[in-house]
Amino acid sequence: MSALPDLDSLKLLVDVGELGSLGQAAKAAGIAQPSASKRIALLERRLGLPLIERTPRGSTLTAEGKMVAGWAAQVLAAAQELMRAVQAVRHGEAAHLRVAASMTVAEYLVPRWLGELQNREPDVQVGLDVINSSDVAARVLAEEVELGFVEGPSVPEGLDSRVVGTDRLVVVVAPGHPWTRRRTALRGPELAATPLVVREPGSGTRETLDVAFKSLHRASPRLELGSNSAVKGAALAGAAPAVLSGYAVEADVATGRLVEVPLAGINLVRNLRAVWRRGRALTPPAATLLAIASRP
């Protein structure tokens, strides 16, 4: 795979389309036009596409350049969401709003929610703790955080909750695993009887799986690991089949790095919930974040 384009070059391309010329885009970036031209030329070589049409009247985006600029704008927006989430983790005790989220929710949903909150209320500083679902609930109950996001099938006593989405656990294996050649869907008893790579006790992913296996004869896990990345890594290495959030493996399945095994007769769909201490009125920033997360 060729080197990925840098964000500054993508921003330059987007600005050419929005501002109407390479010169104006270079001015907005605070660089000389020859430097901007070199960046665009390097971007064209990396992508293998003509992005800018240079004419005596100036530079405009080609048809390919317009498409790439549209995609680049999405990449830049996602990068901004990433930085907002990172800042929320770093702010800690200085935050005006303290939030905790389970790992899956924090990785794949919270950055977008925090980005919208920042757009609506730019003065609100958010501190984010990324922990497993049982620890999220404990911190909300202890009033160490105001709002939590969990992924388990149950809500502890003393908490109010609201469903903010759904997720589906999936079974994935490395390419070449015998299950990739199955002609029939994998059923619950066979899955339960197989040593699997799973998340650690206390995680919402593990609790969902434990509930699904409750009435089945179950083998001991092959590995219990503390993050989605670790579980994916073990599956990629061929350690054993793994059970993970669909969010966590979507890109790997799409590129063929992992293969999803079809299931039948077992329900691995779960609700994702916001939780807060029962009887406590949410502050305006927390209520706004809850409304953002709850929106379909």
Protein backbone atom coordinates (compact mmCIF):
# COMPACT_ATOMS: atom_id res chain seq x y z
CA MET A 1 0.00 0.00 0.00
CA SER A 2 1.40 3.45 -0.93
CA ALA A 3 2.03 6.09 1.73
CA LEU A 4 -1.09 7.81 2.99
CA PRO A 5 -1.52 11.50 2.11
CA ASP A 6 -0.91 13.95 4.93
CA LEU A 7 -3.77 16.01 6.32
CA ASP A 8 -2.21 19.36 5.35
CA SER A 9 -2.17 18.35 1.69
CA LEU A 10 -5.78 17.18 1.86
CA LYS A 11 -6.78 20.49 3.48
CA LEU A 12 -4.96 22.36 0.71
CA LEU A 13 -6.90 20.43 -1.92
CA VAL A 14 -10.22 21.12 -0.19
CA ASP A 15 -9.35 24.83 0.04
CA VAL A 16 -8.57 24.99 -3.69
CA GLY A 17 -12.13 23.85 -4.35
CA GLU A 18 -13.68 26.15 -1.75
CA LEU A 19 -11.57 29.28 -2.39
CA GLY A 20 -11.33 28.94 -6.15
CA SER A 21 -7.59 28.94 -6.74
CA LEU A 22 -4.32 27.42 -5.62
CA GLY A 23 -3.00 30.87 -4.73
CA GLN A 24 -5.86 31.56 -2.33
CA ALA A 25 -5.51 28.09 -0.82
CA ALA A 26 -1.77 28.66 -0.30
CA LYS A 27 -2.51 32.01 1.36
CA ALA A 28 -5.01 30.37 3.72
CA ALA A 29 -2.41 27.74 4.63
CA GLY A 30 0.27 30.39 5.23
CA ILE A 31 2.67 29.00 2.63
CA ALA A 32 4.08 30.23 -0.67
CA GLN A 33 2.28 29.23 -3.84
CA PRO A 34 5.27 27.22 -5.21
CA SER A 35 5.26 25.17 -1.98
CA ALA A 36 1.53 24.60 -2.35
CA SER A 37 2.02 23.52 -5.94
CA LYS A 38 4.66 20.99 -4.87
CA ARG A 39 2.36 19.56 -2.21
CA ILE A 40 -0.45 19.10 -4.71
CA ALA A 41 1.94 17.51 -7.21
CA LEU A 42 3.12 15.04 -4.54
CA LEU A 43 -0.51 14.29 -3.63
CA GLU A 44 -1.30 13.61 -7.30
CA ARG A 45 1.65 11.19 -7.54
CA ARG A 46 0.61 9.35 -4.38
CA LEU A 47 -2.99 8.97 -5.50
CA GLY A 48 -2.21 8.44 -9.18
CA LEU A 49 -4.87 10.94 -10.23
CA PRO A 50 -4.85 14.42 -11.79
CA LEU A 51 -6.39 16.66 -9.14
CA ILE A 52 -5.84 20.20 -10.41
CA GLU A 53 -6.12 21.63 -13.89
CA ARG A 54 -3.62 24.43 -14.39
CA THR A 55 -4.67 27.10 -16.90
CA PRO A 56 -3.49 30.66 -17.68
CA ARG A 57 -6.43 31.89 -15.62
CA GLY A 58 -5.48 29.84 -12.54
CA SER A 59 -5.99 26.38 -11.05
CA THR A 60 -9.27 24.53 -10.70
CA LEU A 61 -10.14 21.04 -9.52
CA THR A 62 -10.49 18.31 -12.10
CA ALA A 63 -13.47 15.96 -11.95
CA GLU A 64 -11.27 13.51 -10.03
CA GLY A 65 -10.06 16.34 -7.82
CA LYS A 66 -13.62 17.26 -6.88
CA MET A 67 -14.34 13.68 -5.84
CA VAL A 68 -11.12 13.39 -3.83
CA ALA A 69 -11.78 16.78 -2.20
CA GLY A 70 -15.20 15.56 -1.08
CA TRP A 71 -13.68 12.47 0.50
CA ALA A 72 -10.84 14.54 1.96
CA ALA A 73 -13.35 16.81 3.70
CA GLN A 74 -14.78 13.75 5.46
CA VAL A 75 -11.29 12.63 6.52
CA LEU A 76 -10.52 16.10 7.91
CA ALA A 77 -13.80 16.16 9.84
CA ALA A 78 -13.01 12.73 11.31
CA ALA A 79 -9.53 13.95 12.29
CA GLN A 80 -11.09 16.91 14.09
CA GLU A 81 -13.40 14.54 15.97
CA LEU A 82 -10.38 12.44 16.92
CA MET A 83 -8.56 15.44 18.37
CA ARG A 84 -11.62 16.55 20.31
CA ALA A 85 -11.89 13.09 21.84
CA VAL A 86 -8.16 13.04 22.67
CA GLN A 87 -8.45 16.45 24.31
CA ALA A 88 -11.40 15.20 26.34
CA VAL A 89 -9.29 12.31 27.65
CA ARG A 90 -6.45 14.71 28.53
CA HIS A 91 -8.56 17.35 30.25
CA GLY A 92 -9.35 15.13 33.21
CA GLU A 93 -10.36 16.85 36.43
CA ALA A 94 -10.38 20.31 34.85
CA ALA A 95 -13.41 19.37 32.75
CA HIS A 96 -16.75 21.11 33.04
CA LEU A 97 -18.43 17.83 32.07
CA ARG A 98 -17.01 14.48 33.09
CA VAL A 99 -18.05 11.46 31.03
CA ALA A 100 -17.07 7.79 31.05
CA ALA A 101 -17.58 5.38 28.16
CA SER A 102 -16.97 1.73 27.50
CA MET A 103 -14.18 1.02 25.07
CA THR A 104 -16.30 0.15 22.05
CA VAL A 105 -18.57 3.18 22.45
CA ALA A 106 -15.57 5.45 23.11
CA GLU A 107 -13.71 4.23 20.03
CA TYR A 108 -16.48 4.32 17.47
CA LEU A 109 -19.25 6.69 18.61
CA VAL A 110 -18.12 9.17 21.27
CA PRO A 111 -15.78 11.20 19.01
CA ARG A 112 -18.68 12.13 16.73
CA TRP A 113 -20.91 13.00 19.69
CA LEU A 114 -18.23 15.18 21.29
CA GLY A 115 -17.59 16.90 17.97
CA GLU A 116 -21.24 17.92 17.72
CA LEU A 117 -21.29 18.99 21.37
CA GLN A 118 -18.24 21.18 20.72
CA ASN A 119 -19.94 22.76 17.73
CA ARG A 120 -23.06 23.52 19.78
CA GLU A 121 -21.33 24.56 23.00
CA PRO A 122 -17.71 25.48 22.23
CA ASP A 123 -16.98 26.66 25.79
CA VAL A 124 -17.74 23.27 27.34
CA GLN A 125 -14.64 21.31 28.28
CA VAL A 126 -15.22 17.55 28.45
CA GLY A 127 -13.17 14.99 30.36
CA LEU A 128 -13.55 11.42 29.07
CA ASP A 129 -12.63 8.22 30.92
CA VAL A 130 -12.36 5.14 28.67
CA ILE A 131 -12.95 2.00 30.75
CA ASN A 132 -15.07 -1.15 30.62
CA SER A 133 -18.82 -1.06 31.17
CA SER A 134 -18.84 -2.23 34.80
CA ASP A 135 -16.32 0.48 35.74
CA VAL A 136 -18.38 3.09 33.90
CA ALA A 137 -21.42 2.20 36.00
CA ALA A 138 -19.36 2.28 39.21
CA ARG A 139 -18.02 5.76 38.46
CA VAL A 140 -21.47 7.10 37.66
CA LEU A 141 -22.84 5.65 40.92
CA ALA A 142 -19.93 7.17 42.85
CA GLU A 143 -20.65 10.53 41.15
CA GLU A 144 -17.11 10.65 39.78
CA VAL A 145 -18.62 11.26 36.34
CA GLU A 146 -22.00 12.70 35.44
CA LEU A 147 -22.84 10.66 32.37
CA GLY A 148 -21.73 7.23 31.23
CA PHE A 149 -22.09 5.10 28.10
CA VAL A 150 -22.18 1.31 28.42
CA GLU A 151 -22.71 -1.67 26.14
CA GLY A 152 -23.80 -4.48 28.47
CA PRO A 153 -27.26 -6.07 28.51
CA SER A 154 -28.11 -4.91 32.05
CA VAL A 155 -28.16 -1.64 34.00
CA PRO A 156 -27.08 -1.66 37.68
CA GLU A 157 -29.52 -0.61 40.37
CA GLY A 158 -29.43 3.10 41.11
CA LEU A 159 -28.95 4.24 37.52
CA ASP A 160 -31.36 5.69 35.00
CA SER A 161 -30.66 4.84 31.38
CA ARG A 162 -31.59 5.57 27.80
CA VAL A 163 -30.87 3.46 24.72
CA VAL A 164 -28.65 5.41 22.32
CA GLY A 165 -28.02 2.73 19.73
CA THR A 166 -27.57 -0.96 19.02
CA ASP A 167 -24.60 -3.14 18.23
CA ARG A 168 -24.18 -6.71 17.01
CA LEU A 169 -21.45 -9.01 18.19
CA VAL A 170 -19.89 -10.99 15.38
CA VAL A 171 -17.68 -14.06 15.16
CA VAL A 172 -14.54 -13.54 13.10
CA VAL A 173 -11.68 -15.82 12.09
CA ALA A 174 -8.46 -15.45 10.16
CA PRO A 175 -8.58 -16.28 6.43
CA GLY A 176 -7.89 -19.99 6.01
CA HIS A 177 -9.65 -21.03 9.20
CA PRO A 178 -11.89 -24.10 8.65
CA TRP A 179 -14.98 -22.06 9.53
CA THR A 180 -14.49 -19.94 6.40
CA ARG A 181 -15.43 -23.02 4.35
CA ARG A 182 -18.65 -23.82 6.22
CA ARG A 183 -21.74 -24.45 4.12
CA THR A 184 -24.14 -23.81 7.02
CA ALA A 185 -24.40 -21.08 9.63
CA LEU A 186 -22.69 -21.60 12.98
CA ARG A 187 -25.21 -22.33 15.73
CA GLY A 188 -25.07 -21.37 19.40
CA PRO A 189 -24.13 -24.74 20.94
CA GLU A 190 -21.14 -25.20 18.63
CA LEU A 191 -19.96 -21.64 19.21
CA ALA A 192 -20.29 -22.01 22.98
CA ALA A 193 -18.35 -25.29 22.95
CA THR A 194 -15.42 -23.68 21.11
CA PRO A 195 -12.51 -22.05 22.99
CA LEU A 196 -12.71 -18.41 21.85
CA VAL A 197 -10.74 -15.20 22.09
CA VAL A 198 -12.95 -12.85 24.10
CA ARG A 199 -12.94 -9.61 26.04
CA GLU A 200 -12.27 -9.55 29.77
CA PRO A 201 -14.96 -10.00 32.48
CA GLY A 202 -16.63 -6.67 33.22
CA SER A 203 -16.71 -5.55 29.61
CA GLY A 204 -20.08 -5.13 27.94
CA THR A 205 -19.00 -7.40 25.09
CA ARG A 206 -18.19 -10.20 27.53
CA GLU A 207 -21.41 -9.74 29.52
CA THR A 208 -23.48 -9.95 26.33
CA LEU A 209 -21.72 -13.16 25.34
CA ASP A 210 -22.10 -14.64 28.83
CA VAL A 211 -25.85 -14.00 28.75
CA ALA A 212 -26.16 -15.59 25.29
CA PHE A 213 -24.27 -18.69 26.50
CA LYS A 214 -26.08 -18.97 29.83
CA SER A 215 -28.04 -22.13 29.03
CA LEU A 216 -25.36 -23.73 26.84
CA HIS A 217 -22.44 -26.02 27.63
CA ARG A 218 -19.46 -23.69 27.37
CA ALA A 219 -15.76 -24.19 26.83
CA SER A 220 -13.23 -22.07 28.70
CA PRO A 221 -11.95 -19.09 26.67
CA ARG A 222 -8.76 -19.57 24.72
CA LEU A 223 -7.74 -16.01 25.63
CA GLU A 224 -9.28 -13.18 27.67
CA LEU A 225 -7.96 -9.80 26.54
CA GLY A 226 -8.57 -6.26 27.70
CA SER A 227 -9.17 -4.39 24.46
CA ASN A 228 -10.79 -4.75 21.06
CA SER A 229 -7.41 -4.31 19.39
CA ALA A 230 -5.87 -7.15 21.38
CA VAL A 231 -8.74 -9.50 20.56
CA LYS A 232 -8.50 -8.60 16.87
CA GLY A 233 -4.77 -9.14 16.91
CA ALA A 234 -5.17 -12.62 18.38
CA ALA A 235 -7.79 -13.49 15.76
CA LEU A 236 -5.59 -12.18 12.94
CA ALA A 237 -2.74 -14.33 14.25
CA GLY A 238 -4.98 -17.40 14.06
CA ALA A 239 -5.09 -18.01 17.83
CA ALA A 240 -8.81 -18.90 17.75
CA PRO A 241 -12.14 -17.51 16.58
CA ALA A 242 -12.98 -14.20 18.25
CA VAL A 243 -16.22 -12.52 19.27
CA LEU A 244 -16.22 -8.74 18.95
CA SER A 245 -18.41 -5.73 18.28
CA GLY A 246 -19.38 -5.32 14.66
CA TYR A 247 -18.04 -1.76 14.88
CA ALA A 248 -14.59 -3.07 15.86
CA VAL A 249 -14.15 -5.43 12.90
CA GLU A 250 -16.10 -3.69 10.15
CA ALA A 251 -13.01 -2.43 8.31
CA ASP A 252 -11.09 -5.69 8.76
CA VAL A 253 -13.96 -7.74 7.32
CA ALA A 254 -14.40 -5.31 4.43
CA THR A 255 -10.72 -5.65 3.46
CA GLY A 256 -10.62 -9.43 3.95
CA ARG A 257 -8.14 -9.37 6.85
CA LEU A 258 -10.80 -11.16 8.91
CA VAL A 259 -13.75 -13.28 7.83
CA GLU A 260 -17.14 -13.04 9.54
CA VAL A 261 -18.77 -16.40 10.27
CA PRO A 262 -22.58 -16.42 9.79
CA LEU A 263 -24.57 -17.32 12.92
CA ALA A 264 -27.98 -18.87 13.47
CA GLY A 265 -30.11 -19.52 16.54
CA ILE A 266 -28.23 -17.17 18.88
CA ASN A 267 -28.96 -13.52 19.61
CA LEU A 268 -25.85 -11.36 19.92
CA VAL A 269 -27.53 -7.99 19.37
CA ARG A 270 -27.22 -5.58 22.29
CA ASN A 271 -28.35 -2.11 23.23
CA LEU A 272 -25.90 0.70 23.83
CA ARG A 273 -27.05 2.90 26.71
CA ALA A 274 -26.37 6.21 28.36
CA VAL A 275 -26.51 5.98 32.16
CA TRP A 276 -26.68 8.56 34.92
CA ARG A 277 -27.36 8.51 38.66
CA ARG A 278 -31.05 7.99 39.42
CA GLY A 279 -32.76 11.09 40.72
CA ARG A 280 -30.00 13.43 39.58
CA ALA A 281 -30.91 16.19 37.13
CA LEU A 282 -28.38 16.43 34.35
CA THR A 283 -26.53 19.70 33.84
CA PRO A 284 -27.21 21.46 30.52
CA PRO A 285 -24.00 20.19 28.83
CA ALA A 286 -24.75 16.60 29.92
CA ALA A 287 -28.35 16.91 28.75
CA THR A 288 -27.15 18.23 25.38
CA LEU A 289 -24.68 15.35 24.98
CA LEU A 290 -27.41 12.85 25.88
CA ALA A 291 -29.73 14.40 23.26
CA ILE A 292 -26.98 14.19 20.63
CA ALA A 293 -26.23 10.55 21.45
CA SER A 294 -29.92 9.63 21.47
CA ARG A 295 -30.66 11.01 18.05
CA PRO A 296 -31.34 8.32 15.42
